[in-house]
Amino acid sequence: MFSHIMVGSNDITRSKVFYDAVLGTLGAKPAITDDKGRLIYMHNGALFLVTAPINGQPATGANGGTIGFACDSQAQVDAWHAAGVTNGGTTCEDPPGVREGGFGKLYLAYLRDPAGTKLCALHRLP
């Protein structure tokens, strides 16, 4: 169901020390840092990421956080996004579509739920 979990940080260096230690106890290797300064932990097929909030505001329990849901197709991502908007969610970030980055081509859509939690639907393209 989940593709990744991302949490916000006001101090990436301090967060790296903390998460390297606590996730290391679970067998995860220390974080790698991507070109946007985000910390990336990969373990047992799962991703856990730490980032400064994209909007420039301070990180809080939810600001900078994203809960990602794995999807089987672009159509499923679009259906997820449409259902969210129809049922009280708010679209955020760019419109659903392909993004390219360090993880290859991804088809993504972003929403905030009615309480403001940021969600992402993700389909990995071949």
PDB file of N, CA and C in Angstrom:
ATOM      1  N   MET A   1       0.818  -1.190   0.000  1.00  0.00           N
ATOM      2  CA  MET A   1       0.000   0.000   0.000  1.00  0.00           C
ATOM      3  C   MET A   1       0.864   1.257   0.000  1.00  0.00           C
ATOM      4  N   PHE A   2       1.887   1.341   0.816  1.00  0.00           N
ATOM      5  CA  PHE A   2       2.705   2.544   0.908  1.00  0.00           C
ATOM      6  C   PHE A   2       3.920   2.451   0.002  1.00  0.00           C
ATOM      7  N   SER A   3       4.282   3.587  -0.607  1.00  0.00           N
ATOM      8  CA  SER A   3       5.502   3.647  -1.405  1.00  0.00           C
ATOM      9  C   SER A   3       6.641   4.253  -0.601  1.00  0.00           C
ATOM     10  N   HIS A   4       6.334   5.232   0.284  1.00  0.00           N
ATOM     11  CA  HIS A   4       7.350   5.888   1.095  1.00  0.00           C
ATOM     12  C   HIS A   4       6.708   6.709   2.203  1.00  0.00           C
ATOM     13  N   ILE A   5       7.538   7.049   3.168  1.00  0.00           N
ATOM     14  CA  ILE A   5       7.120   7.971   4.228  1.00  0.00           C
ATOM     15  C   ILE A   5       8.152   9.095   4.253  1.00  0.00           C
ATOM     16  N   MET A   6       7.704  10.353   4.330  1.00  0.00           N
ATOM     17  CA  MET A   6       8.602  11.504   4.395  1.00  0.00           C
ATOM     18  C   MET A   6       8.190  12.372   5.578  1.00  0.00           C
ATOM     19  N   VAL A   7       9.172  12.812   6.342  1.00  0.00           N
ATOM     20  CA  VAL A   7       8.906  13.701   7.465  1.00  0.00           C
ATOM     21  C   VAL A   7       9.731  14.968   7.312  1.00  0.00           C
ATOM     22  N   GLY A   8       9.277  16.042   7.927  1.00  0.00           N
ATOM     23  CA  GLY A   8       9.960  17.321   7.850  1.00  0.00           C
ATOM     24  C   GLY A   8      11.020  17.483   8.921  1.00  0.00           C
ATOM     25  N   SER A   9      11.967  18.383   8.641  1.00  0.00           N
ATOM     26  CA  SER A   9      13.048  18.675   9.585  1.00  0.00           C
ATOM     27  C   SER A   9      13.438  20.142   9.487  1.00  0.00           C
ATOM     28  N   ASN A  10      13.770  20.737  10.623  1.00  0.00           N
ATOM     29  CA  ASN A  10      14.321  22.093  10.655  1.00  0.00           C
ATOM     30  C   ASN A  10      15.839  22.076  10.727  1.00  0.00           C
ATOM     31  N   ASP A  11      16.432  20.896  10.898  1.00  0.00           N
ATOM     32  CA  ASP A  11      17.884  20.750  11.004  1.00  0.00           C
ATOM     33  C   ASP A  11      18.266  19.382  10.438  1.00  0.00           C
ATOM     34  N   ILE A  12      18.574  19.348   9.151  1.00  0.00           N
ATOM     35  CA  ILE A  12      18.867  18.084   8.461  1.00  0.00           C
ATOM     36  C   ILE A  12      20.082  17.379   9.085  1.00  0.00           C
ATOM     37  N   THR A  13      21.098  18.134   9.463  1.00  0.00           N
ATOM     38  CA  THR A  13      22.293  17.515  10.048  1.00  0.00           C
ATOM     39  C   THR A  13      21.950  16.791  11.350  1.00  0.00           C
ATOM     40  N   ARG A  14      21.189  17.442  12.184  1.00  0.00           N
ATOM     41  CA  ARG A  14      20.763  16.825  13.448  1.00  0.00           C
ATOM     42  C   ARG A  14      19.859  15.622  13.189  1.00  0.00           C
ATOM     43  N   SER A  15      18.975  15.755  12.202  1.00  0.00           N
ATOM     44  CA  SER A  15      18.086  14.646  11.861  1.00  0.00           C
ATOM     45  C   SER A  15      18.868  13.441  11.360  1.00  0.00           C
ATOM     46  N   LYS A  16      19.934  13.690  10.575  1.00  0.00           N
ATOM     47  CA  LYS A  16      20.735  12.580  10.062  1.00  0.00           C
ATOM     48  C   LYS A  16      21.385  11.812  11.202  1.00  0.00           C
ATOM     49  N   VAL A  17      21.909  12.524  12.172  1.00  0.00           N
ATOM     50  CA  VAL A  17      22.525  11.861  13.329  1.00  0.00           C
ATOM     51  C   VAL A  17      21.487  10.986  14.031  1.00  0.00           C
ATOM     52  N   PHE A  18      20.317  11.544  14.283  1.00  0.00           N
ATOM     53  CA  PHE A  18      19.263  10.820  14.987  1.00  0.00           C
ATOM     54  C   PHE A  18      18.784   9.610  14.191  1.00  0.00           C
ATOM     55  N   TYR A  19      18.380   9.826  12.923  1.00  0.00           N
ATOM     56  CA  TYR A  19      17.809   8.727  12.147  1.00  0.00           C
ATOM     57  C   TYR A  19      18.845   7.684  11.751  1.00  0.00           C
ATOM     58  N   ASP A  20      20.100   8.083  11.493  1.00  0.00           N
ATOM     59  CA  ASP A  20      21.141   7.085  11.257  1.00  0.00           C
ATOM     60  C   ASP A  20      21.222   6.132  12.452  1.00  0.00           C
ATOM     61  N   ALA A  21      21.124   6.691  13.654  1.00  0.00           N
ATOM     62  CA  ALA A  21      21.229   5.873  14.867  1.00  0.00           C
ATOM     63  C   ALA A  21      20.004   4.993  15.073  1.00  0.00           C
ATOM     64  N   VAL A  22      18.820   5.606  15.073  1.00  0.00           N
ATOM     65  CA  VAL A  22      17.627   4.804  15.389  1.00  0.00           C
ATOM     66  C   VAL A  22      17.285   3.818  14.277  1.00  0.00           C
ATOM     67  N   LEU A  23      17.425   4.220  13.019  1.00  0.00           N
ATOM     68  CA  LEU A  23      17.129   3.291  11.933  1.00  0.00           C
ATOM     69  C   LEU A  23      18.242   2.264  11.775  1.00  0.00           C
ATOM     70  N   GLY A  24      19.458   2.634  12.192  1.00  0.00           N
ATOM     71  CA  GLY A  24      20.560   1.676  12.185  1.00  0.00           C
ATOM     72  C   GLY A  24      20.283   0.484  13.091  1.00  0.00           C
ATOM     73  N   THR A  25      19.549   0.718  14.183  1.00  0.00           N
ATOM     74  CA  THR A  25      19.214  -0.398  15.080  1.00  0.00           C
ATOM     75  C   THR A  25      18.275  -1.395  14.408  1.00  0.00           C
ATOM     76  N   LEU A  26      17.625  -0.966  13.344  1.00  0.00           N
ATOM     77  CA  LEU A  26      16.721  -1.847  12.604  1.00  0.00           C
ATOM     78  C   LEU A  26      17.410  -2.498  11.408  1.00  0.00           C
ATOM     79  N   GLY A  27      18.684  -2.159  11.212  1.00  0.00           N
ATOM     80  CA  GLY A  27      19.431  -2.740  10.106  1.00  0.00           C
ATOM     81  C   GLY A  27      19.559  -1.849   8.893  1.00  0.00           C
ATOM     82  N   ALA A  28      19.024  -0.634   8.946  1.00  0.00           N
ATOM     83  CA  ALA A  28      19.128   0.288   7.808  1.00  0.00           C
ATOM     84  C   ALA A  28      20.518   0.910   7.773  1.00  0.00           C
ATOM     85  N   LYS A  29      21.014   1.130   6.571  1.00  0.00           N
ATOM     86  CA  LYS A  29      22.297   1.808   6.387  1.00  0.00           C
ATOM     87  C   LYS A  29      22.102   3.311   6.587  1.00  0.00           C
ATOM     88  N   PRO A  30      23.190   4.052   6.860  1.00  0.00           N
ATOM     89  CA  PRO A  30      23.067   5.509   6.984  1.00  0.00           C
ATOM     90  C   PRO A  30      22.443   6.132   5.738  1.00  0.00           C
ATOM     91  N   ALA A  31      21.832   7.274   5.914  1.00  0.00           N
ATOM     92  CA  ALA A  31      21.126   7.955   4.820  1.00  0.00           C
ATOM     93  C   ALA A  31      22.077   8.350   3.706  1.00  0.00           C
ATOM     94  N   ILE A  32      21.521   8.354   2.492  1.00  0.00           N
ATOM     95  CA  ILE A  32      22.171   9.043   1.391  1.00  0.00           C
ATOM     96  C   ILE A  32      21.451  10.379   1.257  1.00  0.00           C
ATOM     97  N   THR A  33      22.117  11.366   0.711  1.00  0.00           N
ATOM     98  CA  THR A  33      21.519  12.685   0.537  1.00  0.00           C
ATOM     99  C   THR A  33      21.361  12.956  -0.944  1.00  0.00           C
ATOM    100  N   ASP A  34      20.145  13.335  -1.356  1.00  0.00           N
ATOM    101  CA  ASP A  34      19.919  13.601  -2.776  1.00  0.00           C
ATOM    102  C   ASP A  34      20.292  15.041  -3.124  1.00  0.00           C
ATOM    103  N   ASP A  35      20.091  15.407  -4.400  1.00  0.00           N
ATOM    104  CA  ASP A  35      20.490  16.740  -4.872  1.00  0.00           C
ATOM    105  C   ASP A  35      19.648  17.866  -4.273  1.00  0.00           C
ATOM    106  N   LYS A  36      18.565  17.550  -3.578  1.00  0.00           N
ATOM    107  CA  LYS A  36      17.743  18.565  -2.913  1.00  0.00           C
ATOM    108  C   LYS A  36      18.023  18.615  -1.411  1.00  0.00           C
ATOM    109  N   GLY A  37      19.034  17.861  -0.954  1.00  0.00           N
ATOM    110  CA  GLY A  37      19.389  17.861   0.454  1.00  0.00           C
ATOM    111  C   GLY A  37      18.541  16.966   1.327  1.00  0.00           C
ATOM    112  N   ARG A  38      17.694  16.140   0.716  1.00  0.00           N
ATOM    113  CA  ARG A  38      16.843  15.233   1.476  1.00  0.00           C
ATOM    114  C   ARG A  38      17.636  13.998   1.896  1.00  0.00           C
ATOM    115  N   LEU A  39      17.342  13.489   3.073  1.00  0.00           N
ATOM    116  CA  LEU A  39      17.932  12.245   3.547  1.00  0.00           C
ATOM    117  C   LEU A  39      17.077  11.093   3.064  1.00  0.00           C
ATOM    118  N   ILE A  40      17.722  10.053   2.555  1.00  0.00           N
ATOM    119  CA  ILE A  40      16.996   8.900   2.021  1.00  0.00           C
ATOM    120  C   ILE A  40      17.525   7.639   2.688  1.00  0.00           C
ATOM    121  N   TYR A  41      16.606   6.924   3.318  1.00  0.00           N
ATOM    122  CA  TYR A  41      16.917   5.634   3.924  1.00  0.00           C
ATOM    123  C   TYR A  41      16.182   4.567   3.127  1.00  0.00           C
ATOM    124  N   MET A  42      16.925   3.542   2.700  1.00  0.00           N
ATOM    125  CA  MET A  42      16.331   2.436   1.952  1.00  0.00           C
ATOM    126  C   MET A  42      16.574   1.157   2.741  1.00  0.00           C
ATOM    127  N   HIS A  43      15.485   0.426   3.016  1.00  0.00           N
ATOM    128  CA  HIS A  43      15.631  -0.810   3.787  1.00  0.00           C
ATOM    129  C   HIS A  43      14.444  -1.726   3.512  1.00  0.00           C
ATOM    130  N   ASN A  44      14.748  -2.960   3.210  1.00  0.00           N
ATOM    131  CA  ASN A  44      13.710  -3.978   2.970  1.00  0.00           C
ATOM    132  C   ASN A  44      12.657  -3.512   1.971  1.00  0.00           C
ATOM    133  N   GLY A  45      13.088  -2.842   0.924  1.00  0.00           N
ATOM    134  CA  GLY A  45      12.169  -2.397  -0.117  1.00  0.00           C
ATOM    135  C   GLY A  45      11.374  -1.151   0.225  1.00  0.00           C
ATOM    136  N   ALA A  46      11.618  -0.549   1.385  1.00  0.00           N
ATOM    137  CA  ALA A  46      10.874   0.637   1.800  1.00  0.00           C
ATOM    138  C   ALA A  46      11.791   1.861   1.802  1.00  0.00           C
ATOM    139  N   LEU A  47      11.190   3.034   1.653  1.00  0.00           N
ATOM    140  CA  LEU A  47      11.914   4.296   1.715  1.00  0.00           C
ATOM    141  C   LEU A  47      11.376   5.142   2.865  1.00  0.00           C
ATOM    142  N   PHE A  48      12.295   5.737   3.602  1.00  0.00           N
ATOM    143  CA  PHE A  48      11.953   6.721   4.618  1.00  0.00           C
ATOM    144  C   PHE A  48      12.800   7.941   4.315  1.00  0.00           C
ATOM    145  N   LEU A  49      12.164   9.104   4.151  1.00  0.00           N
ATOM    146  CA  LEU A  49      12.876  10.314   3.764  1.00  0.00           C
ATOM    147  C   LEU A  49      12.662  11.427   4.775  1.00  0.00           C
ATOM    148  N   VAL A  50      13.666  12.304   4.868  1.00  0.00           N
ATOM    149  CA  VAL A  50      13.601  13.467   5.754  1.00  0.00           C
ATOM    150  C   VAL A  50      13.953  14.688   4.906  1.00  0.00           C
ATOM    151  N   THR A  51      13.145  15.754   5.013  1.00  0.00           N
ATOM    152  CA  THR A  51      13.345  16.938   4.180  1.00  0.00           C
ATOM    153  C   THR A  51      13.013  18.214   4.930  1.00  0.00           C
ATOM    154  N   ALA A  52      13.647  19.297   4.518  1.00  0.00           N
ATOM    155  CA  ALA A  52      13.166  20.609   4.929  1.00  0.00           C
ATOM    156  C   ALA A  52      11.884  20.858   4.142  1.00  0.00           C
ATOM    157  N   PRO A  53      10.854  21.464   4.727  1.00  0.00           N
ATOM    158  CA  PRO A  53       9.608  21.683   4.005  1.00  0.00           C
ATOM    159  C   PRO A  53       9.815  22.474   2.708  1.00  0.00           C
ATOM    160  N   ILE A  54       9.197  22.038   1.645  1.00  0.00           N
ATOM    161  CA  ILE A  54       9.319  22.663   0.327  1.00  0.00           C
ATOM    162  C   ILE A  54       8.798  24.096   0.339  1.00  0.00           C
ATOM    163  N   ASN A  55       7.799  24.377   1.188  1.00  0.00           N
ATOM    164  CA  ASN A  55       7.200  25.712   1.195  1.00  0.00           C
ATOM    165  C   ASN A  55       7.997  26.735   2.000  1.00  0.00           C
ATOM    166  N   GLY A  56       9.142  26.327   2.581  1.00  0.00           N
ATOM    167  CA  GLY A  56       9.985  27.266   3.310  1.00  0.00           C
ATOM    168  C   GLY A  56       9.529  27.564   4.727  1.00  0.00           C
ATOM    169  N   GLN A  57       8.381  27.052   5.140  1.00  0.00           N
ATOM    170  CA  GLN A  57       7.893  27.255   6.503  1.00  0.00           C
ATOM    171  C   GLN A  57       8.564  26.243   7.436  1.00  0.00           C
ATOM    172  N   PRO A  58       8.538  26.498   8.750  1.00  0.00           N
ATOM    173  CA  PRO A  58       9.142  25.540   9.683  1.00  0.00           C
ATOM    174  C   PRO A  58       8.466  24.171   9.615  1.00  0.00           C
ATOM    175  N   ALA A  59       9.265  23.142   9.795  1.00  0.00           N
ATOM    176  CA  ALA A  59       8.704  21.791   9.872  1.00  0.00           C
ATOM    177  C   ALA A  59       7.929  21.654  11.172  1.00  0.00           C
ATOM    178  N   THR A  60       6.831  20.958  11.098  1.00  0.00           N
ATOM    179  CA  THR A  60       6.029  20.618  12.267  1.00  0.00           C
ATOM    180  C   THR A  60       5.692  19.141  12.127  1.00  0.00           C
ATOM    181  N   GLY A  61       4.808  18.666  12.948  1.00  0.00           N
ATOM    182  CA  GLY A  61       4.424  17.262  12.863  1.00  0.00           C
ATOM    183  C   GLY A  61       3.892  16.868  11.503  1.00  0.00           C
ATOM    184  N   ALA A  62       3.336  17.808  10.758  1.00  0.00           N
ATOM    185  CA  ALA A  62       2.794  17.477   9.446  1.00  0.00           C
ATOM    186  C   ALA A  62       3.467  18.264   8.322  1.00  0.00           C
ATOM    187  N   ASN A  63       3.956  19.483   8.573  1.00  0.00           N
ATOM    188  CA  ASN A  63       4.542  20.284   7.498  1.00  0.00           C
ATOM    189  C   ASN A  63       5.863  19.673   7.064  1.00  0.00           C
ATOM    190  N   GLY A  64       5.977  19.372   5.801  1.00  0.00           N
ATOM    191  CA  GLY A  64       7.144  18.688   5.287  1.00  0.00           C
ATOM    192  C   GLY A  64       6.928  17.195   5.201  1.00  0.00           C
ATOM    193  N   GLY A  65       5.843  16.717   5.792  1.00  0.00           N
ATOM    194  CA  GLY A  65       5.545  15.288   5.778  1.00  0.00           C
ATOM    195  C   GLY A  65       4.699  14.890   4.586  1.00  0.00           C
ATOM    196  N   THR A  66       4.969  13.710   4.061  1.00  0.00           N
ATOM    197  CA  THR A  66       4.184  13.148   2.967  1.00  0.00           C
ATOM    198  C   THR A  66       4.004  11.664   3.228  1.00  0.00           C
ATOM    199  N   ILE A  67       2.803  11.172   3.059  1.00  0.00           N
ATOM    200  CA  ILE A  67       2.549   9.736   3.119  1.00  0.00           C
ATOM    201  C   ILE A  67       2.266   9.291   1.694  1.00  0.00           C
ATOM    202  N   GLY A  68       3.080   8.379   1.199  1.00  0.00           N
ATOM    203  CA  GLY A  68       2.975   7.937  -0.188  1.00  0.00           C
ATOM    204  C   GLY A  68       2.301   6.593  -0.320  1.00  0.00           C
ATOM    205  N   PHE A  69       1.450   6.486  -1.324  1.00  0.00           N
ATOM    206  CA  PHE A  69       0.723   5.256  -1.597  1.00  0.00           C
ATOM    207  C   PHE A  69       1.149   4.703  -2.951  1.00  0.00           C
ATOM    208  N   ALA A  70       1.532   3.436  -2.994  1.00  0.00           N
ATOM    209  CA  ALA A  70       1.954   2.785  -4.236  1.00  0.00           C
ATOM    210  C   ALA A  70       0.733   2.470  -5.091  1.00  0.00           C
ATOM    211  N   CYS A  71       0.843   2.750  -6.389  1.00  0.00           N
ATOM    212  CA  CYS A  71      -0.232   2.473  -7.339  1.00  0.00           C
ATOM    213  C   CYS A  71       0.276   1.580  -8.462  1.00  0.00           C
ATOM    214  N   ASP A  72      -0.634   0.838  -9.074  1.00  0.00           N
ATOM    215  CA  ASP A  72      -0.280  -0.112 -10.125  1.00  0.00           C
ATOM    216  C   ASP A  72      -0.185   0.506 -11.515  1.00  0.00           C
ATOM    217  N   SER A  73      -0.731   1.709 -11.705  1.00  0.00           N
ATOM    218  CA  SER A  73      -0.750   2.309 -13.044  1.00  0.00           C
ATOM    219  C   SER A  73      -0.963   3.816 -12.937  1.00  0.00           C
ATOM    220  N   GLN A  74      -0.727   4.501 -14.064  1.00  0.00           N
ATOM    221  CA  GLN A  74      -1.026   5.929 -14.128  1.00  0.00           C
ATOM    222  C   GLN A  74      -2.517   6.164 -13.943  1.00  0.00           C
ATOM    223  N   ALA A  75      -3.319   5.296 -14.509  1.00  0.00           N
ATOM    224  CA  ALA A  75      -4.772   5.431 -14.379  1.00  0.00           C
ATOM    225  C   ALA A  75      -5.200   5.325 -12.919  1.00  0.00           C
ATOM    226  N   GLN A  76      -4.558   4.463 -12.174  1.00  0.00           N
ATOM    227  CA  GLN A  76      -4.900   4.330 -10.762  1.00  0.00           C
ATOM    228  C   GLN A  76      -4.510   5.587  -9.987  1.00  0.00           C
ATOM    229  N   VAL A  77      -3.359   6.181 -10.332  1.00  0.00           N
ATOM    230  CA  VAL A  77      -2.953   7.454  -9.709  1.00  0.00           C
ATOM    231  C   VAL A  77      -4.003   8.522  -9.996  1.00  0.00           C
ATOM    232  N   ASP A  78      -4.420   8.622 -11.262  1.00  0.00           N
ATOM    233  CA  ASP A  78      -5.427   9.631 -11.637  1.00  0.00           C
ATOM    234  C   ASP A  78      -6.747   9.396 -10.919  1.00  0.00           C
ATOM    235  N   ALA A  79      -7.145   8.131 -10.804  1.00  0.00           N
ATOM    236  CA  ALA A  79      -8.397   7.810 -10.114  1.00  0.00           C
ATOM    237  C   ALA A  79      -8.291   8.169  -8.628  1.00  0.00           C
ATOM    238  N   TRP A  80      -7.137   7.881  -8.024  1.00  0.00           N
ATOM    239  CA  TRP A  80      -6.880   8.225  -6.616  1.00  0.00           C
ATOM    240  C   TRP A  80      -7.015   9.731  -6.412  1.00  0.00           C
ATOM    241  N   HIS A  81      -6.376  10.497  -7.308  1.00  0.00           N
ATOM    242  CA  HIS A  81      -6.406  11.959  -7.209  1.00  0.00           C
ATOM    243  C   HIS A  81      -7.828  12.489  -7.377  1.00  0.00           C
ATOM    244  N   ALA A  82      -8.527  11.993  -8.369  1.00  0.00           N
ATOM    245  CA  ALA A  82      -9.906  12.442  -8.622  1.00  0.00           C
ATOM    246  C   ALA A  82     -10.816  12.128  -7.440  1.00  0.00           C
ATOM    247  N   ALA A  83     -10.685  10.934  -6.891  1.00  0.00           N
ATOM    248  CA  ALA A  83     -11.511  10.551  -5.744  1.00  0.00           C
ATOM    249  C   ALA A  83     -11.217  11.450  -4.541  1.00  0.00           C
ATOM    250  N   GLY A  84      -9.937  11.787  -4.361  1.00  0.00           N
ATOM    251  CA  GLY A  84      -9.577  12.668  -3.253  1.00  0.00           C
ATOM    252  C   GLY A  84     -10.175  14.051  -3.386  1.00  0.00           C
ATOM    253  N   VAL A  85     -10.062  14.630  -4.581  1.00  0.00           N
ATOM    254  CA  VAL A  85     -10.614  15.972  -4.809  1.00  0.00           C
ATOM    255  C   VAL A  85     -12.128  15.954  -4.665  1.00  0.00           C
ATOM    256  N   THR A  86     -12.750  14.905  -5.171  1.00  0.00           N
ATOM    257  CA  THR A  86     -14.207  14.785  -5.105  1.00  0.00           C
ATOM    258  C   THR A  86     -14.710  14.641  -3.672  1.00  0.00           C
ATOM    259  N   ASN A  87     -13.871  14.070  -2.821  1.00  0.00           N
ATOM    260  CA  ASN A  87     -14.318  13.750  -1.464  1.00  0.00           C
ATOM    261  C   ASN A  87     -13.654  14.583  -0.376  1.00  0.00           C
ATOM    262  N   GLY A  88     -13.375  15.841  -0.667  1.00  0.00           N
ATOM    263  CA  GLY A  88     -12.937  16.773   0.361  1.00  0.00           C
ATOM    264  C   GLY A  88     -11.450  17.054   0.415  1.00  0.00           C
ATOM    265  N   GLY A  89     -10.659  16.433  -0.467  1.00  0.00           N
ATOM    266  CA  GLY A  89      -9.235  16.722  -0.510  1.00  0.00           C
ATOM    267  C   GLY A  89      -8.950  17.946  -1.361  1.00  0.00           C
ATOM    268  N   THR A  90      -7.725  18.442  -1.258  1.00  0.00           N
ATOM    269  CA  THR A  90      -7.293  19.608  -2.024  1.00  0.00           C
ATOM    270  C   THR A  90      -6.031  19.230  -2.785  1.00  0.00           C
ATOM    271  N   THR A  91      -6.028  19.498  -4.085  1.00  0.00           N
ATOM    272  CA  THR A  91      -4.827  19.210  -4.856  1.00  0.00           C
ATOM    273  C   THR A  91      -3.701  20.152  -4.426  1.00  0.00           C
ATOM    274  N   CYS A  92      -2.483  19.663  -4.468  1.00  0.00           N
ATOM    275  CA  CYS A  92      -1.328  20.491  -4.137  1.00  0.00           C
ATOM    276  C   CYS A  92      -0.150  20.061  -5.005  1.00  0.00           C
ATOM    277  N   GLU A  93       0.906  20.872  -5.002  1.00  0.00           N
ATOM    278  CA  GLU A  93       2.070  20.659  -5.855  1.00  0.00           C
ATOM    279  C   GLU A  93       1.643  20.785  -7.321  1.00  0.00           C
ATOM    280  N   ASP A  94       2.389  20.166  -8.213  1.00  0.00           N
ATOM    281  CA  ASP A  94       2.065  20.193  -9.637  1.00  0.00           C
ATOM    282  C   ASP A  94       0.897  19.260  -9.920  1.00  0.00           C
ATOM    283  N   PRO A  95       0.233  19.422 -11.082  1.00  0.00           N
ATOM    284  CA  PRO A  95      -0.830  18.479 -11.441  1.00  0.00           C
ATOM    285  C   PRO A  95      -0.265  17.065 -11.560  1.00  0.00           C
ATOM    286  N   PRO A  96      -1.113  16.046 -11.480  1.00  0.00           N
ATOM    287  CA  PRO A  96      -0.626  14.680 -11.649  1.00  0.00           C
ATOM    288  C   PRO A  96       0.170  14.556 -12.949  1.00  0.00           C
ATOM    289  N   GLY A  97       1.285  13.830 -12.873  1.00  0.00           N
ATOM    290  CA  GLY A  97       2.093  13.654 -14.069  1.00  0.00           C
ATOM    291  C   GLY A  97       3.430  13.017 -13.776  1.00  0.00           C
ATOM    292  N   VAL A  98       4.239  12.910 -14.829  1.00  0.00           N
ATOM    293  CA  VAL A  98       5.551  12.280 -14.752  1.00  0.00           C
ATOM    294  C   VAL A  98       6.566  13.258 -14.170  1.00  0.00           C
ATOM    295  N   ARG A  99       7.356  12.770 -13.242  1.00  0.00           N
ATOM    296  CA  ARG A  99       8.490  13.513 -12.698  1.00  0.00           C
ATOM    297  C   ARG A  99       9.726  12.631 -12.873  1.00  0.00           C
ATOM    298  N   GLU A 100      10.840  13.249 -13.199  1.00  0.00           N
ATOM    299  CA  GLU A 100      12.083  12.500 -13.327  1.00  0.00           C
ATOM    300  C   GLU A 100      13.052  12.962 -12.264  1.00  0.00           C
ATOM    301  N   GLY A 101      13.764  12.017 -11.665  1.00  0.00           N
ATOM    302  CA  GLY A 101      14.733  12.353 -10.641  1.00  0.00           C
ATOM    303  C   GLY A 101      15.664  11.190 -10.402  1.00  0.00           C
ATOM    304  N   GLY A 102      16.275  11.196  -9.242  1.00  0.00           N
ATOM    305  CA  GLY A 102      17.244  10.175  -8.889  1.00  0.00           C
ATOM    306  C   GLY A 102      16.685   8.768  -8.834  1.00  0.00           C
ATOM    307  N   PHE A 103      15.370   8.644  -8.743  1.00  0.00           N
ATOM    308  CA  PHE A 103      14.738   7.335  -8.684  1.00  0.00           C
ATOM    309  C   PHE A 103      14.166   6.910 -10.033  1.00  0.00           C
ATOM    310  N   GLY A 104      14.453   7.662 -11.099  1.00  0.00           N
ATOM    311  CA  GLY A 104      13.910   7.346 -12.417  1.00  0.00           C
ATOM    312  C   GLY A 104      12.621   8.097 -12.665  1.00  0.00           C
ATOM    313  N   LYS A 105      11.843   7.598 -13.622  1.00  0.00           N
ATOM    314  CA  LYS A 105      10.575   8.237 -13.966  1.00  0.00           C
ATOM    315  C   LYS A 105       9.467   7.738 -13.041  1.00  0.00           C
ATOM    316  N   LEU A 106       8.747   8.698 -12.479  1.00  0.00           N
ATOM    317  CA  LEU A 106       7.631   8.399 -11.589  1.00  0.00           C
ATOM    318  C   LEU A 106       6.404   9.149 -12.077  1.00  0.00           C
ATOM    319  N   TYR A 107       5.261   8.534 -11.963  1.00  0.00           N
ATOM    320  CA  TYR A 107       4.000   9.222 -12.225  1.00  0.00           C
ATOM    321  C   TYR A 107       3.403   9.509 -10.851  1.00  0.00           C
ATOM    322  N   LEU A 108       3.234  10.800 -10.523  1.00  0.00           N
ATOM    323  CA  LEU A 108       2.848  11.216  -9.174  1.00  0.00           C
ATOM    324  C   LEU A 108       1.624  12.123  -9.175  1.00  0.00           C
ATOM    325  N   ALA A 109       0.903  12.091  -8.069  1.00  0.00           N
ATOM    326  CA  ALA A 109      -0.167  13.052  -7.798  1.00  0.00           C
ATOM    327  C   ALA A 109      -0.130  13.355  -6.307  1.00  0.00           C
ATOM    328  N   TYR A 110      -0.403  14.610  -5.963  1.00  0.00           N
ATOM    329  CA  TYR A 110      -0.372  15.039  -4.569  1.00  0.00           C
ATOM    330  C   TYR A 110      -1.707  15.631  -4.151  1.00  0.00           C
ATOM    331  N   LEU A 111      -2.081  15.349  -2.906  1.00  0.00           N
ATOM    332  CA  LEU A 111      -3.291  15.899  -2.289  1.00  0.00           C
ATOM    333  C   LEU A 111      -3.009  16.230  -0.831  1.00  0.00           C
ATOM    334  N   ARG A 112      -3.820  17.108  -0.292  1.00  0.00           N
ATOM    335  CA  ARG A 112      -3.911  17.257   1.160  1.00  0.00           C
ATOM    336  C   ARG A 112      -5.281  16.724   1.550  1.00  0.00           C
ATOM    337  N   ASP A 113      -5.306  15.920   2.592  1.00  0.00           N
ATOM    338  CA  ASP A 113      -6.594  15.408   3.061  1.00  0.00           C
ATOM    339  C   ASP A 113      -7.362  16.539   3.743  1.00  0.00           C
ATOM    340  N   PRO A 114      -8.594  16.321   4.168  1.00  0.00           N
ATOM    341  CA  PRO A 114      -9.361  17.410   4.769  1.00  0.00           C
ATOM    342  C   PRO A 114      -8.708  18.041   6.004  1.00  0.00           C
ATOM    343  N   ALA A 115      -7.846  17.302   6.686  1.00  0.00           N
ATOM    344  CA  ALA A 115      -7.157  17.850   7.852  1.00  0.00           C
ATOM    345  C   ALA A 115      -5.833  18.524   7.488  1.00  0.00           C
ATOM    346  N   GLY A 116      -5.435  18.444   6.222  1.00  0.00           N
ATOM    347  CA  GLY A 116      -4.207  19.088   5.777  1.00  0.00           C
ATOM    348  C   GLY A 116      -3.000  18.181   5.640  1.00  0.00           C
ATOM    349  N   THR A 117      -3.132  16.895   5.920  1.00  0.00           N
ATOM    350  CA  THR A 117      -2.022  15.966   5.761  1.00  0.00           C
ATOM    351  C   THR A 117      -1.713  15.772   4.288  1.00  0.00           C
ATOM    352  N   LYS A 118      -0.435  15.865   3.935  1.00  0.00           N
ATOM    353  CA  LYS A 118      -0.023  15.740   2.538  1.00  0.00           C
ATOM    354  C   LYS A 118       0.126  14.268   2.161  1.00  0.00           C
ATOM    355  N   LEU A 119      -0.503  13.901   1.049  1.00  0.00           N
ATOM    356  CA  LEU A 119      -0.487  12.540   0.542  1.00  0.00           C
ATOM    357  C   LEU A 119       0.017  12.515  -0.894  1.00  0.00           C
ATOM    358  N   CYS A 120       0.581  11.393  -1.282  1.00  0.00           N
ATOM    359  CA  CYS A 120       1.102  11.226  -2.635  1.00  0.00           C
ATOM    360  C   CYS A 120       0.719   9.859  -3.163  1.00  0.00           C
ATOM    361  N   ALA A 121       0.272   9.796  -4.405  1.00  0.00           N
ATOM    362  CA  ALA A 121       0.084   8.525  -5.109  1.00  0.00           C
ATOM    363  C   ALA A 121       1.232   8.401  -6.089  1.00  0.00           C
ATOM    364  N   LEU A 122       1.851   7.221  -6.158  1.00  0.00           N
ATOM    365  CA  LEU A 122       3.068   7.026  -6.926  1.00  0.00           C
ATOM    366  C   LEU A 122       3.001   5.752  -7.750  1.00  0.00           C
ATOM    367  N   HIS A 123       3.315   5.883  -9.035  1.00  0.00           N
ATOM    368  CA  HIS A 123       3.486   4.718  -9.915  1.00  0.00           C
ATOM    369  C   HIS A 123       4.846   4.820 -10.549  1.00  0.00           C
ATOM    370  N   ARG A 124       5.683   3.801 -10.368  1.00  0.00           N
ATOM    371  CA  ARG A 124       7.021   3.779 -10.959  1.00  0.00           C
ATOM    372  C   ARG A 124       6.914   3.330 -12.409  1.00  0.00           C
ATOM    373  N   LEU A 125       7.456   4.171 -13.318  1.00  0.00           N
ATOM    374  CA  LEU A 125       7.421   3.862 -14.741  1.00  0.00           C
ATOM    375  C   LEU A 125       8.634   3.015 -15.122  1.00  0.00           C
ATOM    376  N   PRO A 126       8.469   2.157 -16.154  1.00  0.00           N
ATOM    377  CA  PRO A 126       9.610   1.334 -16.591  1.00  0.00           C
ATOM    378  C   PRO A 126      10.715   2.180 -17.202  1.00  0.00           C
TER     379      PRO A 126
END
